[in-house]
Amino acid sequence: MAESTVAFRYAKSLIDLAKEKQKVEEVYKDMLFFLDVVRKNRDLMLALKSPILRHEKKMAVLRAIFESRVDPLSFLIFNIITKKNREGIMDSIADEFVRQYNDLKGIQKIRVITTLPLTEEIRKEFIGVVGKATGKQIELEEQIDPKLIGGYVLRIGDRQIDASIRNQLAELRLSFLN
C-alpha cells in the first residue's frame, strides 16, 4: 500500500480520536513539534526509517524524546504506530494530520516565492485574492529565491502559478526553438 494512503488512514484515525477526546489542538501542536524535531535532526528520522534497528529501540528513542513533552494521546499514537512497524512513515502521518487539521479549521496554506521580501501591502493582496478564491483563511509562507530574476511563484496546495521572469524567459526560448 502506498505510503500516502497509509499516512492518510492513520492521520484520519488520529484526528477522529482527537475530536472524540476533545484534544485536537493539543495533538496538532504535538504533530508540529514532532515534525520540527525530525526536520532538525536527520539522524532521528534515519533511525526511525532504519530496517536494522529493532522496534523496541525505536520506541525507546521516541519515549526519551517525546513522552514527557507531548500529550499522552499523541504518545499513545506513537506507540501504536511503532507496534505496527510504521515508524518509518511517522513524518508523513504527522504531515497528513496537519493537512487534515487545516481542512477541518478551514485554513489554506500558500507559499509565495519571490526574489525580494514581500511588502505588507503585497502580502495582504496575496492573502486577499487567494482567500476570496478559496473561501478559506490563508496562512502565507514566504520564500526568497534570487534565481527567479523577478516576479513570483505562488503555490496553493498542489497547484502552482509561475509568474516569474525566469519562467517567461524559458517559455520565450521554447517559442523560438519551435
N, C-alpha and C. Protein backbone atom coordinates (compact mmCIF):
# COMPACT_ATOMS: atom_id res chain seq x y z
N MET A 1 0.84 -1.18 0.00
CA MET A 1 0.00 0.00 0.00
C MET A 1 0.89 1.24 0.00
N ALA A 2 0.49 2.25 -0.74
CA ALA A 2 1.29 3.46 -0.87
C ALA A 2 1.40 4.17 0.48
N GLU A 3 2.57 4.77 0.69
CA GLU A 3 2.84 5.47 1.95
C GLU A 3 1.80 6.56 2.22
N SER A 4 1.41 7.30 1.18
CA SER A 4 0.45 8.38 1.37
C SER A 4 -0.91 7.86 1.81
N THR A 5 -1.31 6.70 1.30
CA THR A 5 -2.59 6.10 1.69
C THR A 5 -2.56 5.68 3.14
N VAL A 6 -1.47 5.05 3.54
CA VAL A 6 -1.33 4.61 4.94
C VAL A 6 -1.28 5.82 5.86
N ALA A 7 -0.52 6.84 5.48
CA ALA A 7 -0.42 8.06 6.29
C ALA A 7 -1.78 8.72 6.42
N PHE A 8 -2.55 8.76 5.32
CA PHE A 8 -3.89 9.35 5.35
C PHE A 8 -4.77 8.61 6.36
N ARG A 9 -4.74 7.29 6.32
CA ARG A 9 -5.60 6.50 7.22
C ARG A 9 -5.23 6.69 8.68
N TYR A 10 -3.94 6.67 8.99
CA TYR A 10 -3.51 6.88 10.38
C TYR A 10 -3.87 8.30 10.84
N ALA A 11 -3.63 9.29 9.99
CA ALA A 11 -3.93 10.68 10.35
C ALA A 11 -5.43 10.87 10.55
N LYS A 12 -6.23 10.26 9.68
CA LYS A 12 -7.70 10.36 9.81
C LYS A 12 -8.15 9.74 11.12
N SER A 13 -7.63 8.57 11.44
CA SER A 13 -7.98 7.93 12.71
C SER A 13 -7.56 8.79 13.89
N LEU A 14 -6.37 9.38 13.80
CA LEU A 14 -5.87 10.21 14.88
C LEU A 14 -6.71 11.46 15.06
N ILE A 15 -7.10 12.10 13.97
CA ILE A 15 -7.90 13.31 14.09
C ILE A 15 -9.29 12.98 14.62
N ASP A 16 -9.85 11.84 14.21
CA ASP A 16 -11.15 11.42 14.72
C ASP A 16 -11.07 11.13 16.23
N LEU A 17 -10.02 10.46 16.65
CA LEU A 17 -9.83 10.16 18.07
C LEU A 17 -9.62 11.45 18.87
N ALA A 18 -8.83 12.37 18.32
CA ALA A 18 -8.57 13.64 18.99
C ALA A 18 -9.87 14.44 19.13
N LYS A 19 -10.73 14.41 18.10
CA LYS A 19 -12.03 15.09 18.20
C LYS A 19 -12.88 14.46 19.30
N GLU A 20 -12.89 13.14 19.32
CA GLU A 20 -13.68 12.42 20.32
C GLU A 20 -13.21 12.75 21.73
N LYS A 21 -11.91 12.85 21.94
CA LYS A 21 -11.33 13.14 23.26
C LYS A 21 -11.21 14.64 23.52
N GLN A 22 -11.64 15.46 22.56
CA GLN A 22 -11.56 16.92 22.64
C GLN A 22 -10.13 17.40 22.89
N LYS A 23 -9.20 16.83 22.11
CA LYS A 23 -7.78 17.19 22.25
C LYS A 23 -7.16 17.51 20.89
N VAL A 24 -7.96 18.02 19.98
CA VAL A 24 -7.47 18.30 18.62
C VAL A 24 -6.33 19.31 18.65
N GLU A 25 -6.49 20.38 19.39
CA GLU A 25 -5.46 21.42 19.43
C GLU A 25 -4.15 20.89 20.03
N GLU A 26 -4.26 20.10 21.10
CA GLU A 26 -3.06 19.55 21.73
C GLU A 26 -2.31 18.62 20.79
N VAL A 27 -3.07 17.74 20.12
CA VAL A 27 -2.44 16.79 19.19
C VAL A 27 -1.84 17.53 18.00
N TYR A 28 -2.52 18.57 17.53
CA TYR A 28 -1.99 19.38 16.43
C TYR A 28 -0.63 19.98 16.81
N LYS A 29 -0.56 20.58 17.99
CA LYS A 29 0.71 21.16 18.46
C LYS A 29 1.79 20.08 18.59
N ASP A 30 1.39 18.89 19.04
CA ASP A 30 2.35 17.78 19.18
C ASP A 30 2.87 17.32 17.82
N MET A 31 2.00 17.29 16.81
CA MET A 31 2.43 16.88 15.47
C MET A 31 3.39 17.93 14.89
N LEU A 32 3.10 19.20 15.12
CA LEU A 32 4.02 20.25 14.67
C LEU A 32 5.37 20.13 15.38
N PHE A 33 5.32 19.84 16.67
CA PHE A 33 6.55 19.65 17.45
C PHE A 33 7.34 18.45 16.92
N PHE A 34 6.66 17.34 16.67
CA PHE A 34 7.32 16.14 16.12
C PHE A 34 7.98 16.47 14.79
N LEU A 35 7.25 17.13 13.90
CA LEU A 35 7.81 17.49 12.58
C LEU A 35 9.02 18.40 12.72
N ASP A 36 8.95 19.35 13.62
CA ASP A 36 10.06 20.25 13.85
C ASP A 36 11.30 19.48 14.31
N VAL A 37 11.11 18.55 15.24
CA VAL A 37 12.23 17.77 15.77
C VAL A 37 12.85 16.90 14.68
N VAL A 38 12.04 16.17 13.91
CA VAL A 38 12.61 15.27 12.90
C VAL A 38 13.22 16.03 11.72
N ARG A 39 12.70 17.21 11.44
CA ARG A 39 13.29 18.00 10.35
C ARG A 39 14.63 18.61 10.76
N LYS A 40 14.78 18.90 12.03
CA LYS A 40 16.04 19.46 12.51
C LYS A 40 17.06 18.39 12.87
N ASN A 41 16.62 17.14 13.00
CA ASN A 41 17.51 16.06 13.38
C ASN A 41 17.37 14.91 12.38
N ARG A 42 18.15 14.98 11.34
CA ARG A 42 18.10 13.99 10.27
C ARG A 42 18.38 12.57 10.79
N ASP A 43 19.29 12.45 11.77
CA ASP A 43 19.63 11.14 12.32
C ASP A 43 18.43 10.47 12.97
N LEU A 44 17.57 11.25 13.61
CA LEU A 44 16.38 10.67 14.22
C LEU A 44 15.48 10.04 13.16
N MET A 45 15.25 10.75 12.07
CA MET A 45 14.38 10.20 11.01
C MET A 45 15.03 8.99 10.36
N LEU A 46 16.34 9.03 10.17
CA LEU A 46 17.04 7.87 9.62
C LEU A 46 16.91 6.67 10.55
N ALA A 47 16.99 6.91 11.85
CA ALA A 47 16.84 5.82 12.82
C ALA A 47 15.43 5.24 12.76
N LEU A 48 14.43 6.10 12.65
CA LEU A 48 13.05 5.61 12.58
C LEU A 48 12.79 4.82 11.30
N LYS A 49 13.45 5.20 10.22
CA LYS A 49 13.26 4.52 8.94
C LYS A 49 14.15 3.28 8.79
N SER A 50 15.11 3.10 9.68
CA SER A 50 16.07 2.02 9.56
C SER A 50 15.43 0.65 9.75
N PRO A 51 15.65 -0.26 8.79
CA PRO A 51 15.14 -1.63 8.95
C PRO A 51 16.02 -2.46 9.88
N ILE A 52 17.19 -1.95 10.22
CA ILE A 52 18.13 -2.69 11.07
C ILE A 52 17.79 -2.52 12.55
N LEU A 53 17.39 -1.30 12.94
CA LEU A 53 17.05 -1.05 14.34
C LEU A 53 15.75 -1.76 14.71
N ARG A 54 15.74 -2.37 15.88
CA ARG A 54 14.55 -3.07 16.35
C ARG A 54 13.51 -2.05 16.81
N HIS A 55 12.28 -2.47 16.77
CA HIS A 55 11.17 -1.58 17.13
C HIS A 55 11.26 -1.14 18.59
N GLU A 56 11.78 -2.00 19.45
CA GLU A 56 11.91 -1.65 20.87
C GLU A 56 12.89 -0.47 21.03
N LYS A 57 13.97 -0.48 20.24
CA LYS A 57 14.94 0.60 20.30
C LYS A 57 14.32 1.91 19.80
N LYS A 58 13.56 1.79 18.71
CA LYS A 58 12.91 2.98 18.16
C LYS A 58 11.92 3.55 19.17
N MET A 59 11.18 2.67 19.84
CA MET A 59 10.22 3.13 20.84
C MET A 59 10.95 3.79 22.02
N ALA A 60 12.09 3.23 22.39
CA ALA A 60 12.87 3.81 23.49
C ALA A 60 13.35 5.22 23.13
N VAL A 61 13.75 5.41 21.88
CA VAL A 61 14.18 6.73 21.42
C VAL A 61 12.99 7.70 21.45
N LEU A 62 11.85 7.26 20.92
CA LEU A 62 10.66 8.11 20.93
C LEU A 62 10.24 8.45 22.36
N ARG A 63 10.32 7.45 23.24
CA ARG A 63 9.94 7.67 24.64
C ARG A 63 10.87 8.72 25.28
N ALA A 64 12.16 8.59 25.05
CA ALA A 64 13.12 9.52 25.64
C ALA A 64 12.91 10.95 25.15
N ILE A 65 12.58 11.10 23.88
CA ILE A 65 12.45 12.45 23.32
C ILE A 65 11.07 13.05 23.55
N PHE A 66 10.02 12.26 23.38
CA PHE A 66 8.68 12.84 23.31
C PHE A 66 7.74 12.57 24.48
N GLU A 67 7.93 11.50 25.22
CA GLU A 67 6.92 11.11 26.20
C GLU A 67 6.56 12.22 27.19
N SER A 68 7.56 12.92 27.70
CA SER A 68 7.28 13.97 28.68
C SER A 68 6.91 15.31 28.03
N ARG A 69 7.02 15.40 26.70
CA ARG A 69 6.80 16.68 26.03
C ARG A 69 5.51 16.74 25.23
N VAL A 70 4.84 15.63 25.04
CA VAL A 70 3.60 15.63 24.25
C VAL A 70 2.45 15.12 25.10
N ASP A 71 1.26 15.35 24.62
CA ASP A 71 0.05 14.88 25.27
C ASP A 71 0.05 13.34 25.26
N PRO A 72 -0.46 12.72 26.33
CA PRO A 72 -0.49 11.24 26.36
C PRO A 72 -1.20 10.62 25.16
N LEU A 73 -2.21 11.29 24.62
CA LEU A 73 -2.90 10.76 23.44
C LEU A 73 -1.95 10.71 22.24
N SER A 74 -1.15 11.75 22.06
CA SER A 74 -0.18 11.77 20.96
C SER A 74 0.85 10.67 21.15
N PHE A 75 1.32 10.51 22.37
CA PHE A 75 2.33 9.48 22.60
C PHE A 75 1.74 8.08 22.41
N LEU A 76 0.48 7.91 22.76
CA LEU A 76 -0.19 6.63 22.53
C LEU A 76 -0.18 6.29 21.03
N ILE A 77 -0.40 7.29 20.20
CA ILE A 77 -0.37 7.08 18.75
C ILE A 77 1.04 6.70 18.30
N PHE A 78 2.07 7.37 18.85
CA PHE A 78 3.45 7.00 18.53
C PHE A 78 3.68 5.53 18.86
N ASN A 79 3.16 5.11 20.00
CA ASN A 79 3.31 3.72 20.45
C ASN A 79 2.62 2.75 19.48
N ILE A 80 1.40 3.07 19.09
CA ILE A 80 0.64 2.21 18.17
C ILE A 80 1.35 2.12 16.82
N ILE A 81 1.80 3.26 16.32
CA ILE A 81 2.49 3.28 15.02
C ILE A 81 3.74 2.41 15.08
N THR A 82 4.47 2.48 16.19
CA THR A 82 5.68 1.68 16.35
C THR A 82 5.35 0.19 16.42
N LYS A 83 4.31 -0.16 17.15
CA LYS A 83 3.91 -1.57 17.25
C LYS A 83 3.47 -2.14 15.90
N LYS A 84 2.94 -1.27 15.04
CA LYS A 84 2.50 -1.70 13.71
C LYS A 84 3.62 -1.61 12.67
N ASN A 85 4.84 -1.35 13.14
CA ASN A 85 6.02 -1.27 12.26
C ASN A 85 5.91 -0.16 11.22
N ARG A 86 5.29 0.95 11.59
CA ARG A 86 5.12 2.06 10.66
C ARG A 86 5.88 3.31 11.09
N GLU A 87 6.85 3.15 11.98
CA GLU A 87 7.58 4.33 12.48
C GLU A 87 8.35 5.05 11.37
N GLY A 88 8.64 4.37 10.29
CA GLY A 88 9.35 4.98 9.17
C GLY A 88 8.53 6.02 8.43
N ILE A 89 7.22 6.01 8.63
CA ILE A 89 6.37 6.99 7.95
C ILE A 89 5.71 7.95 8.94
N MET A 90 6.24 8.01 10.15
CA MET A 90 5.65 8.90 11.15
C MET A 90 5.65 10.36 10.69
N ASP A 91 6.67 10.77 9.96
CA ASP A 91 6.70 12.14 9.46
C ASP A 91 5.58 12.38 8.45
N SER A 92 5.31 11.39 7.61
CA SER A 92 4.22 11.51 6.64
C SER A 92 2.86 11.54 7.34
N ILE A 93 2.73 10.75 8.39
CA ILE A 93 1.49 10.73 9.17
C ILE A 93 1.28 12.10 9.83
N ALA A 94 2.34 12.65 10.41
CA ALA A 94 2.23 13.96 11.06
C ALA A 94 1.91 15.05 10.03
N ASP A 95 2.56 15.00 8.87
CA ASP A 95 2.25 15.96 7.80
C ASP A 95 0.79 15.87 7.39
N GLU A 96 0.32 14.66 7.21
CA GLU A 96 -1.08 14.44 6.81
C GLU A 96 -2.04 14.90 7.89
N PHE A 97 -1.69 14.68 9.16
CA PHE A 97 -2.53 15.15 10.26
C PHE A 97 -2.66 16.67 10.18
N VAL A 98 -1.54 17.36 9.98
CA VAL A 98 -1.55 18.83 9.89
C VAL A 98 -2.41 19.27 8.71
N ARG A 99 -2.31 18.58 7.58
CA ARG A 99 -3.14 18.92 6.42
C ARG A 99 -4.62 18.75 6.73
N GLN A 100 -4.97 17.63 7.38
CA GLN A 100 -6.37 17.38 7.72
C GLN A 100 -6.87 18.37 8.77
N TYR A 101 -6.01 18.75 9.70
CA TYR A 101 -6.37 19.75 10.70
C TYR A 101 -6.70 21.07 10.00
N ASN A 102 -5.85 21.47 9.05
CA ASN A 102 -6.08 22.71 8.31
C ASN A 102 -7.40 22.65 7.55
N ASP A 103 -7.72 21.50 6.94
CA ASP A 103 -9.01 21.33 6.26
C ASP A 103 -10.15 21.49 7.25
N LEU A 104 -10.01 20.87 8.41
CA LEU A 104 -11.03 20.92 9.46
C LEU A 104 -11.28 22.36 9.92
N LYS A 105 -10.21 23.14 10.04
CA LYS A 105 -10.31 24.51 10.52
C LYS A 105 -10.53 25.53 9.40
N GLY A 106 -10.57 25.08 8.15
CA GLY A 106 -10.78 26.00 7.03
C GLY A 106 -9.58 26.88 6.74
N ILE A 107 -8.39 26.31 6.91
CA ILE A 107 -7.15 27.06 6.69
C ILE A 107 -6.50 26.56 5.40
N GLN A 108 -6.08 27.50 4.55
CA GLN A 108 -5.35 27.16 3.32
C GLN A 108 -3.96 27.73 3.43
N LYS A 109 -2.95 26.87 3.36
CA LYS A 109 -1.57 27.35 3.39
C LYS A 109 -1.14 27.61 1.96
N ILE A 110 -0.49 28.75 1.78
CA ILE A 110 0.06 29.08 0.47
C ILE A 110 1.52 29.48 0.64
N ARG A 111 2.28 29.29 -0.42
CA ARG A 111 3.69 29.69 -0.41
C ARG A 111 3.91 30.61 -1.59
N VAL A 112 4.53 31.75 -1.29
CA VAL A 112 4.89 32.70 -2.33
C VAL A 112 6.42 32.77 -2.37
N ILE A 113 6.96 32.50 -3.56
CA ILE A 113 8.41 32.55 -3.75
C ILE A 113 8.69 33.78 -4.61
N THR A 114 9.55 34.65 -4.08
CA THR A 114 9.90 35.89 -4.78
C THR A 114 11.41 36.11 -4.70
N THR A 115 11.87 37.13 -5.42
CA THR A 115 13.29 37.45 -5.36
C THR A 115 13.63 38.35 -4.18
N LEU A 116 12.65 39.11 -3.71
CA LEU A 116 12.82 40.02 -2.58
C LEU A 116 11.70 39.79 -1.57
N PRO A 117 11.90 40.15 -0.31
CA PRO A 117 10.82 40.01 0.67
C PRO A 117 9.59 40.82 0.26
N LEU A 118 8.40 40.29 0.57
CA LEU A 118 7.16 40.97 0.23
C LEU A 118 6.94 42.17 1.15
N THR A 119 6.35 43.21 0.57
CA THR A 119 5.92 44.33 1.40
C THR A 119 4.61 43.94 2.07
N GLU A 120 4.24 44.66 3.09
CA GLU A 120 2.99 44.35 3.81
C GLU A 120 1.79 44.48 2.87
N GLU A 121 1.82 45.47 1.99
CA GLU A 121 0.72 45.69 1.04
C GLU A 121 0.57 44.50 0.09
N ILE A 122 1.67 44.02 -0.46
CA ILE A 122 1.62 42.89 -1.40
C ILE A 122 1.21 41.61 -0.66
N ARG A 123 1.71 41.44 0.55
CA ARG A 123 1.34 40.28 1.37
C ARG A 123 -0.18 40.24 1.57
N LYS A 124 -0.75 41.39 1.93
CA LYS A 124 -2.21 41.47 2.14
C LYS A 124 -2.97 41.19 0.85
N GLU A 125 -2.41 41.66 -0.27
CA GLU A 125 -3.06 41.42 -1.56
C GLU A 125 -3.10 39.93 -1.89
N PHE A 126 -1.97 39.22 -1.70
CA PHE A 126 -1.96 37.77 -1.93
C PHE A 126 -2.99 37.08 -1.04
N ILE A 127 -2.99 37.42 0.24
CA ILE A 127 -3.91 36.79 1.18
C ILE A 127 -5.36 37.08 0.78
N GLY A 128 -5.64 38.32 0.39
CA GLY A 128 -7.00 38.69 0.00
C GLY A 128 -7.48 37.97 -1.25
N VAL A 129 -6.64 37.95 -2.28
CA VAL A 129 -7.03 37.32 -3.55
C VAL A 129 -7.23 35.81 -3.38
N VAL A 130 -6.28 35.15 -2.73
CA VAL A 130 -6.39 33.69 -2.56
C VAL A 130 -7.52 33.35 -1.58
N GLY A 131 -7.69 34.16 -0.54
CA GLY A 131 -8.78 33.95 0.41
C GLY A 131 -10.14 34.06 -0.26
N LYS A 132 -10.27 35.03 -1.13
CA LYS A 132 -11.53 35.22 -1.87
C LYS A 132 -11.78 34.05 -2.82
N ALA A 133 -10.73 33.59 -3.48
CA ALA A 133 -10.87 32.50 -4.44
C ALA A 133 -11.17 31.15 -3.77
N THR A 134 -10.57 30.92 -2.59
CA THR A 134 -10.76 29.63 -1.93
C THR A 134 -11.85 29.64 -0.87
N GLY A 135 -12.17 30.82 -0.36
CA GLY A 135 -13.16 30.91 0.72
C GLY A 135 -12.62 30.41 2.05
N LYS A 136 -11.29 30.38 2.18
CA LYS A 136 -10.66 29.88 3.40
C LYS A 136 -9.78 30.95 4.01
N GLN A 137 -9.45 30.71 5.27
CA GLN A 137 -8.47 31.55 5.95
C GLN A 137 -7.09 31.19 5.40
N ILE A 138 -6.28 32.18 5.10
CA ILE A 138 -4.99 31.95 4.44
C ILE A 138 -3.84 32.10 5.41
N GLU A 139 -2.91 31.15 5.35
CA GLU A 139 -1.63 31.26 6.05
C GLU A 139 -0.56 31.33 4.97
N LEU A 140 0.14 32.45 4.95
CA LEU A 140 1.13 32.72 3.91
C LEU A 140 2.52 32.38 4.39
N GLU A 141 3.23 31.62 3.58
CA GLU A 141 4.64 31.32 3.83
C GLU A 141 5.44 31.97 2.71
N GLU A 142 6.45 32.71 3.09
CA GLU A 142 7.28 33.40 2.10
C GLU A 142 8.61 32.69 1.94
N GLN A 143 9.11 32.69 0.70
CA GLN A 143 10.41 32.11 0.41
C GLN A 143 11.11 33.01 -0.59
N ILE A 144 12.39 33.19 -0.40
CA ILE A 144 13.19 34.04 -1.30
C ILE A 144 14.03 33.14 -2.21
N ASP A 145 13.99 33.43 -3.52
CA ASP A 145 14.79 32.70 -4.50
C ASP A 145 15.28 33.69 -5.55
N PRO A 146 16.53 34.16 -5.44
CA PRO A 146 17.04 35.15 -6.40
C PRO A 146 17.12 34.62 -7.83
N LYS A 147 17.07 33.31 -8.03
CA LYS A 147 17.15 32.73 -9.37
C LYS A 147 15.91 33.04 -10.21
N LEU A 148 14.83 33.49 -9.57
CA LEU A 148 13.61 33.80 -10.31
C LEU A 148 13.78 35.04 -11.19
N ILE A 149 14.75 35.86 -10.89
CA ILE A 149 15.07 37.12 -11.57
C ILE A 149 14.04 38.20 -11.19
N GLY A 150 12.78 37.87 -11.25
CA GLY A 150 11.71 38.80 -10.89
C GLY A 150 10.39 38.06 -10.92
N GLY A 151 9.32 38.71 -10.52
CA GLY A 151 8.01 38.07 -10.49
C GLY A 151 7.85 37.21 -9.24
N TYR A 152 6.99 36.18 -9.36
CA TYR A 152 6.72 35.31 -8.21
C TYR A 152 6.26 33.94 -8.67
N VAL A 153 6.33 33.00 -7.74
CA VAL A 153 5.73 31.68 -7.92
C VAL A 153 4.79 31.50 -6.74
N LEU A 154 3.53 31.20 -7.01
CA LEU A 154 2.53 31.01 -5.97
C LEU A 154 2.11 29.55 -5.95
N ARG A 155 2.24 28.91 -4.78
CA ARG A 155 1.84 27.52 -4.62
C ARG A 155 0.67 27.44 -3.66
N ILE A 156 -0.41 26.87 -4.15
CA ILE A 156 -1.62 26.68 -3.35
C ILE A 156 -1.94 25.19 -3.40
N GLY A 157 -1.63 24.49 -2.31
CA GLY A 157 -1.83 23.05 -2.32
C GLY A 157 -0.95 22.41 -3.38
N ASP A 158 -1.58 21.68 -4.30
CA ASP A 158 -0.81 21.02 -5.36
C ASP A 158 -0.82 21.82 -6.67
N ARG A 159 -1.32 23.06 -6.62
CA ARG A 159 -1.33 23.92 -7.81
C ARG A 159 -0.22 24.96 -7.71
N GLN A 160 0.26 25.38 -8.86
CA GLN A 160 1.33 26.37 -8.89
C GLN A 160 1.08 27.37 -10.00
N ILE A 161 1.25 28.64 -9.68
CA ILE A 161 1.18 29.72 -10.66
C ILE A 161 2.58 30.31 -10.74
N ASP A 162 3.20 30.15 -11.90
CA ASP A 162 4.57 30.64 -12.07
C ASP A 162 4.55 31.90 -12.92
N ALA A 163 4.65 33.04 -12.26
CA ALA A 163 4.68 34.33 -12.95
C ALA A 163 6.07 34.95 -12.80
N SER A 164 7.08 34.09 -12.84
CA SER A 164 8.45 34.59 -12.68
C SER A 164 9.04 34.93 -14.05
N ILE A 165 10.00 35.81 -14.01
CA ILE A 165 10.68 36.19 -15.25
C ILE A 165 11.49 34.99 -15.79
N ARG A 166 12.04 34.20 -14.88
CA ARG A 166 12.77 33.00 -15.30
C ARG A 166 11.87 32.10 -16.14
N ASN A 167 10.64 31.90 -15.71
CA ASN A 167 9.69 31.06 -16.44
C ASN A 167 9.32 31.70 -17.77
N GLN A 168 9.10 33.00 -17.77
CA GLN A 168 8.75 33.69 -19.02
C GLN A 168 9.89 33.60 -20.03
N LEU A 169 11.14 33.72 -19.56
CA LEU A 169 12.29 33.57 -20.46
C LEU A 169 12.37 32.15 -21.01
N ALA A 170 12.10 31.17 -20.17
CA ALA A 170 12.13 29.77 -20.63
C ALA A 170 11.05 29.53 -21.68
N GLU A 171 9.86 30.08 -21.48
CA GLU A 171 8.78 29.94 -22.48
C GLU A 171 9.15 30.64 -23.77
N LEU A 172 9.77 31.81 -23.67
CA LEU A 172 10.18 32.55 -24.86
C LEU A 172 11.24 31.75 -25.63
N ARG A 173 12.18 31.17 -24.93
CA ARG A 173 13.21 30.37 -25.56
C ARG A 173 12.59 29.17 -26.29
N LEU A 174 11.60 28.52 -25.67
CA LEU A 174 10.92 27.39 -26.30
C LEU A 174 10.18 27.84 -27.55
N SER A 175 9.56 29.02 -27.50
CA SER A 175 8.82 29.50 -28.69
C SER A 175 9.77 29.78 -29.85
N PHE A 176 11.00 30.25 -29.54
CA PHE A 176 11.99 30.48 -30.59
C PHE A 176 12.48 29.17 -31.19
N LEU A 177 12.57 28.15 -30.37
CA LEU A 177 13.04 26.85 -30.85
C LEU A 177 12.01 26.15 -31.74
N ASN A 178 10.74 26.46 -31.56
CA ASN A 178 9.68 25.82 -32.34
C ASN A 178 9.41 26.51 -33.61
